[in-house]
Amino acid sequence: MRDTVQWRVYFIEGKTDWQAALERYELATGAKPRRVRVSEKAPEDLLYLVREIPGLEIEILRPILPRDVWLTHEEEQKEPQMSLFGEVEG
């Protein structure tokens, strides 16, 4: 099991770039992206393109450049948590 999620970043100026990024991501990883991270300062046209993909989980974060889109198909790994009885949950 992996400890970290691997993200791939793409610079998107328009619809053509977005379509190419999705194709390149699938070619590189063998999977369709399930999660995307964009800047809180991303332009509306970029947010519109990202929202067009059904089932894509969108995270809006501060420290990302406005036209960068980060993609992954991996789930966030949760830290194992100890219960009151000493059994590991997670």
N, C-alpha and C. Protein backbone atom coordinates (compact mmCIF):
# COMPACT_ATOMS: atom_id res chain seq x y z
N MET A 1 0.85 -1.18 0.00
CA MET A 1 0.00 0.00 0.00
C MET A 1 0.90 1.25 0.00
N ARG A 2 0.51 2.25 -0.76
CA ARG A 2 1.28 3.48 -0.86
C ARG A 2 0.97 4.42 0.29
N ASP A 3 1.98 5.19 0.66
CA ASP A 3 1.81 6.16 1.74
C ASP A 3 1.31 7.51 1.23
N THR A 4 1.59 7.81 -0.04
CA THR A 4 1.22 9.11 -0.58
C THR A 4 0.44 8.96 -1.88
N VAL A 5 -0.31 9.97 -2.20
CA VAL A 5 -1.07 10.03 -3.45
C VAL A 5 -0.20 10.75 -4.47
N GLN A 6 -0.10 10.19 -5.67
CA GLN A 6 0.66 10.85 -6.72
C GLN A 6 -0.26 11.70 -7.57
N TRP A 7 0.12 12.97 -7.73
CA TRP A 7 -0.63 13.93 -8.52
C TRP A 7 0.17 14.27 -9.77
N ARG A 8 -0.53 14.59 -10.85
CA ARG A 8 0.09 15.08 -12.09
C ARG A 8 -0.50 16.46 -12.36
N VAL A 9 0.35 17.42 -12.70
CA VAL A 9 -0.11 18.79 -12.90
C VAL A 9 -0.06 19.16 -14.38
N TYR A 10 -1.07 19.92 -14.80
CA TYR A 10 -1.18 20.38 -16.18
C TYR A 10 -1.56 21.86 -16.18
N PHE A 11 -0.96 22.62 -17.12
CA PHE A 11 -1.29 24.03 -17.30
C PHE A 11 -2.40 24.10 -18.35
N ILE A 12 -3.53 24.71 -18.00
CA ILE A 12 -4.71 24.72 -18.87
C ILE A 12 -5.05 26.15 -19.26
N GLU A 13 -5.04 26.41 -20.57
CA GLU A 13 -5.44 27.73 -21.07
C GLU A 13 -6.83 27.70 -21.71
N GLY A 14 -7.28 26.53 -22.11
CA GLY A 14 -8.58 26.44 -22.76
C GLY A 14 -9.04 25.00 -22.88
N LYS A 15 -10.14 24.81 -23.59
CA LYS A 15 -10.76 23.49 -23.72
C LYS A 15 -9.82 22.47 -24.37
N THR A 16 -9.05 22.90 -25.38
CA THR A 16 -8.13 21.99 -26.05
C THR A 16 -7.07 21.48 -25.08
N ASP A 17 -6.52 22.37 -24.26
CA ASP A 17 -5.54 21.97 -23.26
C ASP A 17 -6.14 20.99 -22.25
N TRP A 18 -7.37 21.25 -21.84
CA TRP A 18 -8.04 20.40 -20.86
C TRP A 18 -8.26 19.00 -21.42
N GLN A 19 -8.73 18.91 -22.65
CA GLN A 19 -8.94 17.60 -23.28
C GLN A 19 -7.62 16.85 -23.43
N ALA A 20 -6.57 17.57 -23.84
CA ALA A 20 -5.26 16.95 -23.99
C ALA A 20 -4.72 16.48 -22.63
N ALA A 21 -4.95 17.26 -21.58
CA ALA A 21 -4.48 16.88 -20.24
C ALA A 21 -5.17 15.59 -19.78
N LEU A 22 -6.47 15.50 -20.00
CA LEU A 22 -7.20 14.29 -19.61
C LEU A 22 -6.69 13.07 -20.38
N GLU A 23 -6.43 13.24 -21.67
CA GLU A 23 -5.90 12.14 -22.48
C GLU A 23 -4.49 11.76 -22.05
N ARG A 24 -3.63 12.74 -21.82
CA ARG A 24 -2.26 12.47 -21.38
C ARG A 24 -2.24 11.80 -20.01
N TYR A 25 -3.15 12.22 -19.12
CA TYR A 25 -3.21 11.61 -17.80
C TYR A 25 -3.56 10.13 -17.92
N GLU A 26 -4.59 9.84 -18.71
CA GLU A 26 -5.01 8.45 -18.87
C GLU A 26 -3.92 7.61 -19.54
N LEU A 27 -3.23 8.18 -20.50
CA LEU A 27 -2.14 7.47 -21.18
C LEU A 27 -1.00 7.17 -20.21
N ALA A 28 -0.67 8.14 -19.36
CA ALA A 28 0.45 7.99 -18.42
C ALA A 28 0.13 7.04 -17.27
N THR A 29 -1.12 7.03 -16.80
CA THR A 29 -1.45 6.26 -15.59
C THR A 29 -2.28 5.01 -15.88
N GLY A 30 -2.95 4.98 -17.02
CA GLY A 30 -3.83 3.86 -17.33
C GLY A 30 -5.19 3.96 -16.66
N ALA A 31 -5.50 5.11 -16.07
CA ALA A 31 -6.77 5.31 -15.38
C ALA A 31 -7.29 6.71 -15.64
N LYS A 32 -8.59 6.87 -15.52
CA LYS A 32 -9.20 8.19 -15.63
C LYS A 32 -9.07 8.91 -14.29
N PRO A 33 -8.83 10.21 -14.31
CA PRO A 33 -8.73 10.93 -13.03
C PRO A 33 -10.06 10.94 -12.30
N ARG A 34 -9.98 10.86 -10.97
CA ARG A 34 -11.19 10.91 -10.13
C ARG A 34 -11.21 12.14 -9.25
N ARG A 35 -10.03 12.74 -9.05
CA ARG A 35 -9.94 13.93 -8.20
C ARG A 35 -9.15 15.00 -8.93
N VAL A 36 -9.51 16.25 -8.68
CA VAL A 36 -8.82 17.38 -9.30
C VAL A 36 -8.65 18.48 -8.26
N ARG A 37 -7.51 19.13 -8.31
CA ARG A 37 -7.25 20.29 -7.45
C ARG A 37 -7.03 21.50 -8.35
N VAL A 38 -7.71 22.59 -8.01
CA VAL A 38 -7.56 23.85 -8.73
C VAL A 38 -7.39 24.97 -7.72
N SER A 39 -6.91 26.10 -8.22
CA SER A 39 -6.67 27.26 -7.37
C SER A 39 -7.98 27.95 -7.01
N GLU A 40 -7.99 28.57 -5.84
CA GLU A 40 -9.15 29.39 -5.48
C GLU A 40 -9.21 30.63 -6.37
N LYS A 41 -8.13 30.93 -7.08
CA LYS A 41 -8.09 32.07 -8.00
C LYS A 41 -8.23 31.63 -9.46
N ALA A 42 -8.64 30.40 -9.68
CA ALA A 42 -8.81 29.89 -11.05
C ALA A 42 -9.89 30.69 -11.77
N PRO A 43 -9.67 31.00 -13.05
CA PRO A 43 -10.69 31.72 -13.82
C PRO A 43 -11.96 30.89 -14.01
N GLU A 44 -13.07 31.56 -14.18
CA GLU A 44 -14.37 30.88 -14.33
C GLU A 44 -14.39 29.89 -15.49
N ASP A 45 -13.72 30.23 -16.61
CA ASP A 45 -13.74 29.33 -17.76
C ASP A 45 -13.06 28.00 -17.42
N LEU A 46 -12.02 28.04 -16.60
CA LEU A 46 -11.34 26.82 -16.18
C LEU A 46 -12.22 26.00 -15.24
N LEU A 47 -12.85 26.67 -14.30
CA LEU A 47 -13.75 25.97 -13.37
C LEU A 47 -14.91 25.32 -14.12
N TYR A 48 -15.42 26.01 -15.14
CA TYR A 48 -16.50 25.46 -15.95
C TYR A 48 -16.06 24.16 -16.63
N LEU A 49 -14.85 24.14 -17.21
CA LEU A 49 -14.34 22.94 -17.87
C LEU A 49 -14.20 21.78 -16.89
N VAL A 50 -13.68 22.07 -15.71
CA VAL A 50 -13.48 21.03 -14.70
C VAL A 50 -14.82 20.46 -14.23
N ARG A 51 -15.80 21.33 -14.06
CA ARG A 51 -17.12 20.89 -13.57
C ARG A 51 -17.90 20.09 -14.61
N GLU A 52 -17.50 20.16 -15.89
CA GLU A 52 -18.19 19.41 -16.94
C GLU A 52 -17.99 17.90 -16.84
N ILE A 53 -16.94 17.46 -16.17
CA ILE A 53 -16.63 16.03 -16.08
C ILE A 53 -17.43 15.42 -14.94
N PRO A 54 -18.38 14.52 -15.25
CA PRO A 54 -19.19 13.92 -14.18
C PRO A 54 -18.35 13.01 -13.28
N GLY A 55 -18.64 13.07 -11.99
CA GLY A 55 -17.98 12.21 -11.02
C GLY A 55 -16.60 12.65 -10.60
N LEU A 56 -16.12 13.78 -11.08
CA LEU A 56 -14.80 14.28 -10.72
C LEU A 56 -14.90 15.06 -9.42
N GLU A 57 -14.18 14.62 -8.41
CA GLU A 57 -14.18 15.30 -7.10
C GLU A 57 -13.26 16.51 -7.19
N ILE A 58 -13.79 17.69 -6.91
CA ILE A 58 -13.05 18.94 -7.07
C ILE A 58 -12.64 19.49 -5.71
N GLU A 59 -11.35 19.80 -5.58
CA GLU A 59 -10.82 20.45 -4.38
C GLU A 59 -10.30 21.82 -4.81
N ILE A 60 -10.68 22.85 -4.10
CA ILE A 60 -10.21 24.20 -4.40
C ILE A 60 -9.27 24.62 -3.27
N LEU A 61 -8.02 24.91 -3.66
CA LEU A 61 -6.97 25.20 -2.68
C LEU A 61 -6.30 26.54 -2.97
N ARG A 62 -5.63 27.08 -1.99
CA ARG A 62 -4.97 28.38 -2.12
C ARG A 62 -3.61 28.29 -2.82
N PRO A 63 -2.70 27.40 -2.46
CA PRO A 63 -1.32 27.52 -2.97
C PRO A 63 -1.09 26.96 -4.38
N ILE A 64 -2.09 27.00 -5.23
CA ILE A 64 -1.96 26.49 -6.60
C ILE A 64 -2.04 27.67 -7.57
N LEU A 65 -1.24 27.61 -8.62
CA LEU A 65 -1.28 28.67 -9.64
C LEU A 65 -2.64 28.66 -10.33
N PRO A 66 -3.14 29.82 -10.74
CA PRO A 66 -4.51 29.94 -11.26
C PRO A 66 -4.86 29.03 -12.44
N ARG A 67 -3.93 28.75 -13.32
CA ARG A 67 -4.22 27.93 -14.51
C ARG A 67 -3.73 26.49 -14.38
N ASP A 68 -3.19 26.12 -13.23
CA ASP A 68 -2.73 24.74 -13.02
C ASP A 68 -3.89 23.87 -12.55
N VAL A 69 -3.91 22.65 -13.06
CA VAL A 69 -4.89 21.65 -12.65
C VAL A 69 -4.12 20.40 -12.24
N TRP A 70 -4.36 19.93 -11.03
CA TRP A 70 -3.70 18.74 -10.50
C TRP A 70 -4.69 17.58 -10.55
N LEU A 71 -4.27 16.46 -11.13
CA LEU A 71 -5.15 15.31 -11.30
C LEU A 71 -4.58 14.07 -10.62
N THR A 72 -5.49 13.24 -10.11
CA THR A 72 -5.12 11.93 -9.59
C THR A 72 -6.34 11.01 -9.69
N HIS A 73 -6.07 9.71 -9.74
CA HIS A 73 -7.15 8.73 -9.70
C HIS A 73 -7.12 7.98 -8.36
N GLU A 74 -6.15 8.32 -7.54
CA GLU A 74 -5.96 7.63 -6.26
C GLU A 74 -6.79 8.28 -5.15
N GLU A 75 -7.16 7.47 -4.19
CA GLU A 75 -7.88 7.96 -3.01
C GLU A 75 -6.88 8.44 -1.97
N GLU A 76 -7.30 9.38 -1.16
CA GLU A 76 -6.45 9.88 -0.07
C GLU A 76 -6.27 8.76 0.94
N GLN A 77 -5.04 8.53 1.36
CA GLN A 77 -4.76 7.50 2.35
C GLN A 77 -5.04 8.05 3.74
N LYS A 78 -5.84 7.35 4.49
CA LYS A 78 -6.16 7.78 5.85
C LYS A 78 -5.15 7.17 6.81
N GLU A 79 -4.82 7.94 7.82
CA GLU A 79 -3.93 7.45 8.86
C GLU A 79 -4.66 6.40 9.69
N PRO A 80 -4.01 5.26 9.99
CA PRO A 80 -4.65 4.28 10.87
C PRO A 80 -4.92 4.92 12.24
N GLN A 81 -6.02 4.55 12.82
CA GLN A 81 -6.40 5.14 14.10
C GLN A 81 -6.61 4.04 15.13
N MET A 82 -6.10 4.27 16.30
CA MET A 82 -6.25 3.29 17.38
C MET A 82 -7.60 3.50 18.05
N SER A 83 -8.27 2.41 18.33
CA SER A 83 -9.53 2.50 19.07
C SER A 83 -9.23 2.41 20.57
N LEU A 84 -10.26 2.58 21.36
CA LEU A 84 -10.09 2.48 22.82
C LEU A 84 -9.61 1.11 23.27
N PHE A 85 -9.86 0.09 22.45
CA PHE A 85 -9.52 -1.27 22.83
C PHE A 85 -8.22 -1.74 22.19
N GLY A 86 -7.47 -0.81 21.55
CA GLY A 86 -6.18 -1.15 21.01
C GLY A 86 -6.17 -1.78 19.64
N GLU A 87 -7.32 -1.85 18.98
CA GLU A 87 -7.38 -2.42 17.64
C GLU A 87 -7.20 -1.29 16.62
N VAL A 88 -6.50 -1.60 15.56
CA VAL A 88 -6.25 -0.62 14.52
C VAL A 88 -7.47 -0.53 13.61
N GLU A 89 -7.93 0.70 13.39
CA GLU A 89 -9.04 0.93 12.48
C GLU A 89 -8.52 1.71 11.29
N GLY A 90 -9.14 1.50 10.14
CA GLY A 90 -8.74 2.30 9.00
C GLY A 90 -8.54 1.53 7.83
